[in-house]
Amino acid sequence: MVTSIILINAERKAINTIAEKLQKTPGISEVYSVSGSYDLVALARVKTNDDLSALVTQKLVEIEGIHKTETMLAFQAFSRHDLESMFAVGM
C-alpha cells in the first residue's frame, strides 16, 4: 500500500466543490481544508506507485480549480490509533 499526502493550492471560491470531488475520487481516503500555505490536504492510499502516478497526473488534473499540487510519499506511519489497536488485542 502506498500512502501519500497531497498538498493542494486551489481557487478560493471553489474549495468546497473541489474537496467534494476529491473525496469521491478513488484512491483519496481523506480531504481536509487547512490554514497556511495550502488550501486543501488530501490523503491518498493506493496499491502501487503507478496507481499514485495515475491519480495525480490523470485524475486530479481533471478537477477544475486546482492550481498546484505537491505530493509527498509516506515512508512510515506513527499513529496513536495503530498503537491502541495493538495493545487492545485480547482485552
C-alpha atoms as a PDB file:
ATOM      1  CA  MET A   1       0.000   0.000   0.000  1.00  0.00           C
ATOM      2  CA  VAL A   2       1.328   3.421  -0.981  1.00  0.00           C
ATOM      3  CA  THR A   3       0.240   6.324   1.212  1.00  0.00           C
ATOM      4  CA  SER A   4       0.808   9.897   0.153  1.00  0.00           C
ATOM      5  CA  ILE A   5      -0.082  13.370   1.323  1.00  0.00           C
ATOM      6  CA  ILE A   6      -1.166  15.737  -1.442  1.00  0.00           C
ATOM      7  CA  LEU A   7      -0.954  19.455  -0.676  1.00  0.00           C
ATOM      8  CA  ILE A   8      -3.260  21.495  -2.892  1.00  0.00           C
ATOM      9  CA  ASN A   9      -3.497  25.150  -3.883  1.00  0.00           C
ATOM     10  CA  ALA A  10      -6.953  25.832  -5.264  1.00  0.00           C
ATOM     11  CA  GLU A  11      -9.240  28.561  -6.436  1.00  0.00           C
ATOM     12  CA  ARG A  12     -10.567  30.004  -3.178  1.00  0.00           C
ATOM     13  CA  LYS A  13     -14.209  30.184  -4.255  1.00  0.00           C
ATOM     14  CA  ALA A  14     -14.141  26.541  -5.336  1.00  0.00           C
ATOM     15  CA  ILE A  15     -12.519  24.933  -2.286  1.00  0.00           C
ATOM     16  CA  ASN A  16     -15.665  23.170  -1.052  1.00  0.00           C
ATOM     17  CA  THR A  17     -16.565  21.914  -4.532  1.00  0.00           C
ATOM     18  CA  ILE A  18     -13.021  20.684  -5.116  1.00  0.00           C
ATOM     19  CA  ALA A  19     -12.976  18.930  -1.720  1.00  0.00           C
ATOM     20  CA  GLU A  20     -16.227  17.143  -2.563  1.00  0.00           C
ATOM     21  CA  LYS A  21     -14.858  15.995  -5.921  1.00  0.00           C
ATOM     22  CA  LEU A  22     -11.633  14.840  -4.307  1.00  0.00           C
ATOM     23  CA  GLN A  23     -13.404  12.774  -1.681  1.00  0.00           C
ATOM     24  CA  LYS A  24     -15.335  10.972  -4.433  1.00  0.00           C
ATOM     25  CA  THR A  25     -12.108  10.163  -6.304  1.00  0.00           C
ATOM     26  CA  PRO A  26     -10.991   6.539  -5.939  1.00  0.00           C
ATOM     27  CA  GLY A  27      -7.694   6.412  -4.058  1.00  0.00           C
ATOM     28  CA  ILE A  28      -8.376   9.537  -1.974  1.00  0.00           C
ATOM     29  CA  SER A  29      -9.211   8.464   1.571  1.00  0.00           C
ATOM     30  CA  GLU A  30      -9.467  11.839   3.340  1.00  0.00           C
ATOM     31  CA  VAL A  31      -9.617  15.525   2.448  1.00  0.00           C
ATOM     32  CA  TYR A  32      -9.030  18.431   4.826  1.00  0.00           C
ATOM     33  CA  SER A  33      -9.385  22.161   4.380  1.00  0.00           C
ATOM     34  CA  VAL A  34      -6.441  23.746   6.152  1.00  0.00           C
ATOM     35  CA  SER A  35      -4.873  27.057   7.078  1.00  0.00           C
ATOM     36  CA  GLY A  36      -1.459  28.141   5.891  1.00  0.00           C
ATOM     37  CA  SER A  37       0.235  27.962   2.514  1.00  0.00           C
ATOM     38  CA  TYR A  38      -2.146  25.351   1.102  1.00  0.00           C
ATOM     39  CA  ASP A  39      -5.917  25.262   0.811  1.00  0.00           C
ATOM     40  CA  LEU A  40      -6.562  21.519   0.966  1.00  0.00           C
ATOM     41  CA  VAL A  41      -4.701  18.398   2.058  1.00  0.00           C
ATOM     42  CA  ALA A  42      -5.711  15.035   0.620  1.00  0.00           C
ATOM     43  CA  LEU A  43      -4.534  11.648   1.858  1.00  0.00           C
ATOM     44  CA  ALA A  44      -4.198   9.075  -0.882  1.00  0.00           C
ATOM     45  CA  ARG A  45      -3.927   5.351  -0.319  1.00  0.00           C
ATOM     46  CA  VAL A  46      -3.350   3.262  -3.434  1.00  0.00           C
ATOM     47  CA  LYS A  47      -1.819  -0.110  -4.238  1.00  0.00           C
ATOM     48  CA  THR A  48       1.197   0.929  -6.299  1.00  0.00           C
ATOM     49  CA  ASN A  49       3.335   3.907  -7.294  1.00  0.00           C
ATOM     50  CA  ASP A  50       1.849   3.614 -10.787  1.00  0.00           C
ATOM     51  CA  ASP A  51      -1.628   3.998  -9.269  1.00  0.00           C
ATOM     52  CA  LEU A  52      -0.451   7.121  -7.452  1.00  0.00           C
ATOM     53  CA  SER A  53       1.033   8.491 -10.655  1.00  0.00           C
ATOM     54  CA  ALA A  54      -2.271   7.945 -12.479  1.00  0.00           C
ATOM     55  CA  LEU A  55      -4.216   9.553  -9.635  1.00  0.00           C
ATOM     56  CA  VAL A  56      -2.083  12.706  -9.593  1.00  0.00           C
ATOM     57  CA  THR A  57      -1.376  13.116 -13.306  1.00  0.00           C
ATOM     58  CA  GLN A  58      -4.686  11.925 -14.753  1.00  0.00           C
ATOM     59  CA  LYS A  59      -7.466  12.238 -12.165  1.00  0.00           C
ATOM     60  CA  LEU A  60      -6.535  15.370 -10.227  1.00  0.00           C
ATOM     61  CA  VAL A  61      -5.826  17.391 -13.373  1.00  0.00           C
ATOM     62  CA  GLU A  62      -9.454  16.809 -14.399  1.00  0.00           C
ATOM     63  CA  ILE A  63     -10.708  18.703 -11.330  1.00  0.00           C
ATOM     64  CA  GLU A  64     -11.173  22.316 -12.341  1.00  0.00           C
ATOM     65  CA  GLY A  65      -9.899  24.889  -9.871  1.00  0.00           C
ATOM     66  CA  ILE A  66      -6.808  23.026  -8.675  1.00  0.00           C
ATOM     67  CA  HIS A  67      -3.885  25.350  -9.395  1.00  0.00           C
ATOM     68  CA  LYS A  68      -0.959  23.404  -7.945  1.00  0.00           C
ATOM     69  CA  THR A  69      -0.236  20.210  -6.035  1.00  0.00           C
ATOM     70  CA  GLU A  70       2.718  18.922  -4.071  1.00  0.00           C
ATOM     71  CA  THR A  71       2.766  15.186  -3.402  1.00  0.00           C
ATOM     72  CA  MET A  72       4.715  13.648  -0.541  1.00  0.00           C
ATOM     73  CA  LEU A  73       5.194   9.897  -0.103  1.00  0.00           C
ATOM     74  CA  ALA A  74       4.785   8.496   3.393  1.00  0.00           C
ATOM     75  CA  PHE A  75       7.600   6.141   4.367  1.00  0.00           C
ATOM     76  CA  GLN A  76       6.472   5.009   7.809  1.00  0.00           C
ATOM     77  CA  ALA A  77       3.332   5.509   9.899  1.00  0.00           C
ATOM     78  CA  PHE A  78       3.498   6.581  13.519  1.00  0.00           C
ATOM     79  CA  SER A  79      -0.061   6.593  14.748  1.00  0.00           C
ATOM     80  CA  ARG A  80      -1.600   6.507  18.200  1.00  0.00           C
ATOM     81  CA  HIS A  81      -4.554   4.640  16.642  1.00  0.00           C
ATOM     82  CA  ASP A  82      -2.272   1.830  15.462  1.00  0.00           C
ATOM     83  CA  LEU A  83      -0.690   1.561  18.916  1.00  0.00           C
ATOM     84  CA  GLU A  84      -4.055   1.467  20.668  1.00  0.00           C
ATOM     85  CA  SER A  85      -5.304  -1.366  18.462  1.00  0.00           C
ATOM     86  CA  MET A  86      -2.063  -3.297  19.016  1.00  0.00           C
ATOM     87  CA  PHE A  87      -2.392  -3.089  22.819  1.00  0.00           C
ATOM     88  CA  ALA A  88      -6.128  -3.852  22.722  1.00  0.00           C
ATOM     89  CA  VAL A  89      -5.539  -7.425  21.478  1.00  0.00           C
ATOM     90  CA  GLY A  90      -7.077  -9.905  23.885  1.00  0.00           C
ATOM     91  CA  MET A  91      -8.764  -7.314  26.050  1.00  0.00           C
END
